[in-house]
Protein backbone atom coordinates (compact mmCIF):
# COMPACT_ATOMS: atom_id res chain seq x y z
CA MET A 1 1.13 18.68 4.68
CA ILE A 2 -0.64 22.44 5.52
CA ARG A 3 2.08 24.93 4.48
CA ILE A 4 2.55 27.77 6.92
CA GLY A 5 3.92 31.21 5.99
CA ILE A 6 4.53 33.54 9.05
CA VAL A 7 4.38 37.36 8.66
CA GLY A 8 6.29 39.12 11.25
CA TYR A 9 8.88 37.33 13.27
CA GLY A 10 8.32 38.08 16.82
CA ASN A 11 7.24 36.69 20.24
CA ILE A 12 4.15 35.47 18.34
CA GLY A 13 6.21 34.35 15.11
CA ARG A 14 8.57 32.47 17.00
CA GLY A 15 5.70 30.71 18.88
CA VAL A 16 3.89 30.13 15.69
CA GLU A 17 7.12 28.24 14.37
CA LEU A 18 7.57 26.33 17.88
CA ALA A 19 3.61 25.06 17.94
CA VAL A 20 4.04 23.92 14.04
CA GLU A 21 6.69 21.81 15.12
CA ARG A 22 3.93 20.13 16.98
CA ASN A 23 1.45 19.38 14.56
CA GLU A 24 2.38 16.65 12.01
CA ASP A 25 -0.19 17.95 9.49
CA MET A 26 1.68 20.77 9.04
CA LYS A 27 5.14 22.51 7.81
CA LEU A 28 7.25 26.18 8.13
CA VAL A 29 8.03 26.87 4.49
CA ALA A 30 8.49 30.87 4.68
CA VAL A 31 8.65 33.97 7.14
CA VAL A 32 8.16 37.18 5.68
CA THR A 33 9.67 39.99 7.60
CA ARG A 34 10.15 43.89 7.39
CA ARG A 35 13.48 43.34 8.31
CA ASN A 36 16.92 42.58 6.24
CA PRO A 37 15.46 38.57 5.92
CA GLU A 38 19.58 37.62 6.06
CA ASP A 39 19.48 38.92 9.50
CA VAL A 40 16.57 36.86 10.75
CA LYS A 41 17.55 33.82 12.51
CA VAL A 42 14.73 30.95 12.41
CA LEU A 43 15.10 27.84 14.49
CA THR A 44 13.84 25.79 11.44
CA ASP A 45 15.38 23.97 8.57
CA ASP A 46 14.78 25.08 4.78
CA VAL A 47 12.72 27.76 5.36
CA LYS A 48 12.28 30.84 2.76
CA LYS A 49 13.27 34.27 4.53
CA VAL A 50 11.45 37.13 2.46
CA HIS A 51 11.09 40.75 2.70
CA LEU A 52 7.38 41.84 3.18
CA ASP A 53 7.74 44.14 -0.39
CA ASP A 54 8.19 40.28 -1.94
CA ILE A 55 5.52 38.62 -0.23
CA LEU A 56 4.18 38.10 -3.42
CA SER A 57 6.95 35.68 -4.76
CA LEU A 58 5.68 33.08 -2.36
CA LYS A 59 2.36 32.70 -4.37
CA GLY A 60 1.45 28.83 -4.76
CA GLU A 61 4.22 28.23 -2.32
CA VAL A 62 2.20 28.97 1.04
CA ASP A 63 -1.35 27.74 2.12
CA VAL A 64 -1.91 29.76 5.43
CA MET A 65 -0.39 33.05 6.17
CA ILE A 66 -0.14 33.58 9.72
CA LEU A 67 0.17 37.32 10.49
CA CYS A 68 1.73 38.03 13.71
CA GLY A 69 1.85 41.97 13.77
CA GLY A 70 0.75 44.04 16.40
CA SER A 71 -2.94 45.51 16.39
CA ALA A 72 -2.33 48.82 16.91
CA THR A 73 -0.50 49.77 13.76
CA ASP A 74 0.26 46.43 12.06
CA LEU A 75 -2.69 44.23 11.53
CA PRO A 76 -5.02 47.10 10.40
CA VAL A 77 -2.68 47.65 7.11
CA MET A 78 -1.57 43.82 6.66
CA GLY A 79 -4.74 42.07 7.33
CA PRO A 80 -6.76 43.11 4.18
CA SER A 81 -3.38 43.36 2.41
CA VAL A 82 -2.10 40.09 2.44
CA VAL A 83 -5.80 38.54 2.53
CA ALA A 84 -5.94 40.04 -1.23
CA ASN A 85 -3.68 37.00 -2.31
CA TYR A 86 -3.36 34.31 0.93
CA ASN A 87 -5.67 32.77 3.34
CA THR A 88 -4.60 33.95 6.63
CA ILE A 89 -5.18 33.75 10.22
CA ASP A 90 -4.61 36.89 12.81
CA SER A 91 -4.76 37.64 16.43
CA PHE A 92 -6.36 41.62 16.30
CA ASP A 93 -7.61 41.90 19.61
CA THR A 94 -8.51 45.50 19.63
CA HIS A 95 -12.25 44.46 20.78
CA ALA A 96 -13.79 47.90 19.95
CA LYS A 97 -12.39 47.74 15.98
CA ILE A 98 -13.09 44.23 15.61
CA PRO A 99 -16.36 44.73 13.35
CA GLU A 100 -14.56 47.56 11.37
CA TYR A 101 -11.35 45.39 10.76
CA PHE A 102 -13.82 41.89 9.74
CA ALA A 103 -15.33 44.25 7.27
CA ASN A 104 -12.22 45.13 5.84
CA VAL A 105 -10.78 42.01 6.03
CA ASP A 106 -14.17 40.19 4.50
CA ALA A 107 -14.25 42.50 1.55
CA ALA A 108 -10.65 41.70 0.22
CA ALA A 109 -11.05 38.14 0.81
CA LYS A 110 -14.32 37.86 -1.12
CA GLU A 111 -12.68 39.67 -3.67
CA ALA A 112 -9.70 37.39 -4.12
CA GLY A 113 -11.57 34.34 -3.27
CA THR A 114 -9.53 33.77 -0.10
CA ILE A 115 -10.27 32.99 3.78
CA GLY A 116 -9.38 35.08 6.49
CA ILE A 117 -9.86 34.18 10.39
CA ILE A 118 -9.47 37.12 12.69
CA SER A 119 -9.04 37.73 16.33
CA VAL A 120 -7.77 34.39 16.68
CA GLY A 121 -6.09 33.56 20.15
CA TRP A 122 -7.37 33.59 24.01
CA ASP A 123 -8.89 36.59 24.01
CA PRO A 124 -10.65 37.40 21.33
CA GLY A 125 -10.63 33.96 20.67
CA MET A 126 -10.83 30.96 23.33
CA PHE A 127 -12.81 33.05 25.90
CA SER A 128 -15.34 34.71 23.07
CA LEU A 129 -16.56 31.10 22.60
CA ASN A 130 -16.80 30.46 26.09
CA ARG A 131 -18.68 33.71 26.55
CA ILE A 132 -21.22 32.92 23.44
CA TYR A 133 -21.39 29.20 24.99
CA ALA A 134 -22.77 30.10 28.84
CA GLU A 135 -24.74 32.97 27.37
CA SER A 136 -26.51 30.48 25.34
CA ILE A 137 -27.22 28.39 28.00
CA LEU A 138 -27.94 30.45 30.79
CA VAL A 139 -29.86 33.03 28.87
CA GLN A 140 -30.91 35.17 31.94
CA GLY A 141 -27.67 36.31 33.75
CA SER A 142 -24.30 38.08 33.49
CA THR A 143 -20.96 37.62 32.16
CA TYR A 144 -17.56 38.55 33.12
CA THR A 145 -14.39 38.38 32.16
CA PHE A 146 -11.20 39.09 33.97
CA TRP A 147 -7.79 39.02 32.67
CA GLY A 148 -4.33 38.32 34.50
CA LYS A 149 -2.22 38.78 36.06
CA GLY A 150 -0.10 38.66 33.47
CA VAL A 151 1.49 40.36 30.43
CA SER A 152 -0.71 42.00 27.71
CA GLN A 153 1.34 41.43 24.34
CA GLY A 154 -1.22 44.00 22.44
CA HIS A 155 -0.62 46.63 25.05
CA SER A 156 2.85 46.28 25.84
CA ASP A 157 3.05 46.74 22.12
CA ALA A 158 0.94 49.88 22.13
CA ILE A 159 3.04 51.31 24.94
CA ARG A 160 6.27 50.66 22.84
CA ARG A 161 4.70 52.68 19.80
CA VAL A 162 4.59 55.89 22.13
CA PRO A 163 7.39 58.18 20.95
CA GLY A 164 10.42 58.39 23.53
CA VAL A 165 9.66 54.63 24.88
CA LYS A 166 12.85 52.32 24.15
CA ASN A 167 10.83 49.62 25.57
CA ALA A 168 8.12 48.52 27.80
CA ILE A 169 5.82 45.46 29.72
CA GLN A 170 1.99 46.22 30.86
CA TYR A 171 0.41 43.87 33.00
CA THR A 172 -3.05 43.40 33.50
CA VAL A 173 -4.36 42.71 37.34
CA PRO A 174 -7.82 41.65 38.10
CA ILE A 175 -9.08 43.18 41.09
CA GLU A 176 -9.74 40.34 43.47
CA ALA A 177 -12.65 41.82 45.32
CA ALA A 178 -14.64 42.33 42.38
CA VAL A 179 -14.04 38.64 41.33
CA GLU A 180 -15.29 37.07 44.57
CA GLU A 181 -17.97 39.52 44.30
CA VAL A 182 -19.06 37.95 41.15
CA ARG A 183 -18.36 34.37 41.90
CA SER A 184 -20.71 34.68 44.99
CA GLY A 185 -23.78 35.37 42.33
CA SER A 186 -24.69 38.72 43.19
CA GLU A 187 -24.66 40.01 39.24
CA PRO A 188 -22.90 43.24 40.55
CA GLN A 189 -22.55 45.81 37.78
CA LEU A 190 -19.00 46.75 37.46
CA THR A 191 -17.57 49.42 35.53
CA THR A 192 -14.20 48.50 33.67
CA ARG A 193 -12.34 50.67 36.36
CA GLN A 194 -13.62 48.38 38.93
CA LYS A 195 -12.49 45.06 37.46
CA HIS A 196 -8.76 45.57 36.59
CA LEU A 197 -5.54 47.71 37.31
CA ARG A 198 -2.87 48.21 34.74
CA GLU A 199 0.42 47.83 35.37
CA CYS A 200 3.09 49.59 32.97
CA TYR A 201 7.16 49.29 33.03
CA VAL A 202 8.66 51.55 30.56
CA VAL A 203 12.49 51.98 29.62
CA ALA A 204 12.62 55.95 28.27
CA GLU A 205 15.02 56.63 25.46
CA GLU A 206 17.50 59.17 26.74
CA GLY A 207 16.21 62.62 27.02
CA ALA A 208 12.58 61.68 26.70
CA ASP A 209 10.03 63.83 28.63
CA LEU A 210 8.60 61.16 31.06
CA ALA A 211 5.74 63.43 31.99
CA ILE A 212 4.57 63.21 28.36
CA ILE A 213 5.08 59.63 27.59
CA GLU A 214 3.04 58.89 30.98
CA GLU A 215 0.16 61.54 29.94
CA THR A 216 0.10 59.42 26.45
CA ILE A 217 -0.42 56.07 28.01
CA LYS A 218 -2.92 56.92 30.43
CA THR A 219 -5.10 58.51 28.19
CA MET A 220 -4.51 56.22 25.26
CA PRO A 221 -8.15 55.26 23.90
CA ASN A 222 -9.05 51.58 23.66
CA TYR A 223 -6.04 50.83 25.79
CA PHE A 224 -5.69 52.44 29.10
CA ALA A 225 -8.13 55.47 29.33
CA ASP A 226 -10.88 53.31 31.03
CA TYR A 227 -8.57 51.73 33.73
CA ASP A 228 -6.89 52.88 36.98
CA THR A 229 -3.31 52.67 35.16
CA THR A 230 0.61 53.33 36.63
CA VAL A 231 3.22 53.99 34.78
CA THR A 232 6.79 53.00 36.33
CA PHE A 233 9.82 53.74 34.54
CA ILE A 234 12.94 51.50 34.83
CA THR A 235 16.13 50.72 33.17
CA GLU A 236 16.79 48.09 30.48
CA GLU A 237 18.27 46.09 32.56
CA GLU A 238 15.67 46.00 35.23
CA LEU A 239 13.26 45.08 32.56
CA LYS A 240 15.25 42.03 31.52
CA ALA A 241 15.83 41.01 35.16
CA ASN A 242 12.36 41.18 36.24
CA HIS A 243 9.86 41.25 33.31
CA SER A 244 11.57 38.77 31.06
CA LYS A 245 8.91 35.92 31.46
CA MET A 246 5.33 36.53 29.43
CA PRO A 247 2.77 34.60 31.76
CA HIS A 248 -0.91 35.39 31.49
CA GLY A 249 -4.24 33.86 32.16
CA GLY A 250 -7.61 34.84 33.38
CA PHE A 251 -11.24 33.44 33.76
CA VAL A 252 -14.83 33.62 31.94
CA ILE A 253 -17.39 33.87 34.46
CA ARG A 254 -21.29 33.20 33.79
CA THR A 255 -23.84 33.53 36.55
CA GLY A 256 -27.34 32.83 36.02
CA GLU A 257 -30.56 31.13 36.87
CA THR A 258 -32.99 28.49 35.32
CA GLY A 259 -36.44 27.03 35.94
CA ARG A 260 -39.12 28.53 38.19
CA ASP A 261 -37.43 28.31 41.61
CA GLY A 262 -34.22 30.62 41.25
CA ASN A 263 -32.01 27.81 40.75
CA LYS A 264 -28.47 29.35 40.34
CA HIS A 265 -25.92 28.26 38.35
CA VAL A 266 -22.33 29.57 37.97
CA ILE A 267 -19.89 28.71 34.77
CA GLU A 268 -16.19 29.34 34.95
CA TYR A 269 -13.22 28.76 32.31
CA SER A 270 -10.15 29.66 33.25
CA LEU A 271 -6.31 29.54 31.80
CA LYS A 272 -3.30 29.86 33.49
CA LEU A 273 -0.33 30.39 30.95
CA ASP A 274 3.25 29.98 31.35
CA SER A 275 3.74 31.79 28.00
CA ASN A 276 1.16 33.82 26.42
CA PRO A 277 2.84 34.08 22.93
CA GLU A 278 3.37 30.29 22.97
CA PHE A 279 -0.30 29.46 23.79
CA THR A 280 -1.39 32.14 21.32
CA SER A 281 0.41 30.90 18.81
CA SER A 282 -0.82 27.21 19.35
CA VAL A 283 -4.40 28.92 18.96
CA LEU A 284 -3.65 30.32 15.93
CA VAL A 285 -1.96 27.33 14.25
CA ALA A 286 -5.14 25.34 14.80
CA TYR A 287 -7.24 27.53 13.40
CA ALA A 288 -4.57 27.52 10.53
CA ARG A 289 -5.85 24.09 9.67
CA ALA A 290 -9.36 25.33 9.97
CA ALA A 291 -8.86 27.95 7.14
CA TYR A 292 -7.10 25.44 4.74
CA ARG A 293 -9.84 23.28 5.09
CA LEU A 294 -12.54 25.76 4.58
CA ALA A 295 -10.30 27.32 1.40
CA GLU A 296 -10.35 23.53 0.21
CA LYS A 297 -13.71 23.29 -0.07
CA GLY A 298 -13.80 26.79 -1.96
CA GLU A 299 -15.17 28.96 0.68
CA SER A 300 -14.27 32.80 0.82
CA GLY A 301 -14.34 35.86 2.86
CA ALA A 302 -13.87 36.66 6.55
CA ARG A 303 -14.26 34.57 9.91
CA SER A 304 -14.48 34.47 13.23
CA VAL A 305 -13.98 31.57 16.05
CA PHE A 306 -17.78 31.53 15.86
CA ASP A 307 -17.92 30.70 12.62
CA ILE A 308 -15.69 27.83 13.00
CA ALA A 309 -16.72 24.40 13.49
CA PRO A 310 -14.37 22.67 16.46
CA ALA A 311 -14.00 19.63 14.22
CA LEU A 312 -12.32 21.74 11.97
CA LEU A 313 -9.39 22.32 14.38
CA SER A 314 -8.46 18.62 15.05
CA MET A 315 -6.20 16.95 13.39
CA LYS A 316 -8.36 13.79 13.98
CA THR A 317 -10.83 12.46 11.87
CA SER A 318 -14.95 13.06 12.79
CA GLU A 319 -14.92 9.25 13.69
CA GLN A 320 -12.22 9.49 16.02
CA LEU A 321 -13.42 12.72 17.34
CA ARG A 322 -16.90 10.75 17.89
CA LYS A 323 -15.36 7.85 19.81
CA GLU A 324 -12.33 9.45 21.77
CA ILE A 325 -13.72 13.15 22.97
CA LEU A 326 -17.52 13.17 22.47
């Protein structure tokens, strides 16, 4: 059994717990939290609950730690710190900072002799794989990625870190005219702003300056500054009643030509997700299996999804994969 630890028991952490239940070669053995461990109610029996300050007490008991913190402030610190003692998986999703984050995790993991697979999820993650496959096949062409309509956990977390914000949810919305133009094969040159809108629903703390909150959100680099963004202030009751679900999805489209006669091709990969956290968690758990296998072979350092062979994700043997799926 692959022994799994969860670091951070929020939406992703709970999703990981549910995903581990569905993987018969895994067992959840520990939940690590910054809260009082006694106050954390988990669904699985016989799971240790440990404060983050005491994470080293689990050495020898956990094969892979799945890091479920946010990308804005948690993972940049947590990733290199935890991989210094454990094999790790995380869903770091600030695309512009992935190279820097990879380097930090890689240095810590190589020194410790551990494996850290970063930026695992559906984007970055599954969509990243589809981009590399499509671009490698249609070597002349254009690639487009659209997200939503759906809840972005990373962006919602970033809003909740803004001073004066009590709670918030953020929806990413594709601009339909841009999608149809891409599907036509015309290979338009689209700016970030032309492809998506961002809709933010914010519950402000009592007495907070709403104008400052809105300006802080709309000008936030790497998250909102490059998009047309709306900020709507609502009550906690409205948030719970109308925005408690976490759907998401999107699609990667590659258009291009082959041969000498201008034959055109469109590759499209899409996801429609009822629960963004549960799907993301399921991807994290599959890559935990890969991390465990790489560590068992004595490998160390950081990896991205590009570095992981698909067979390492599956519970099936290589023989089964060739017979049943190939």
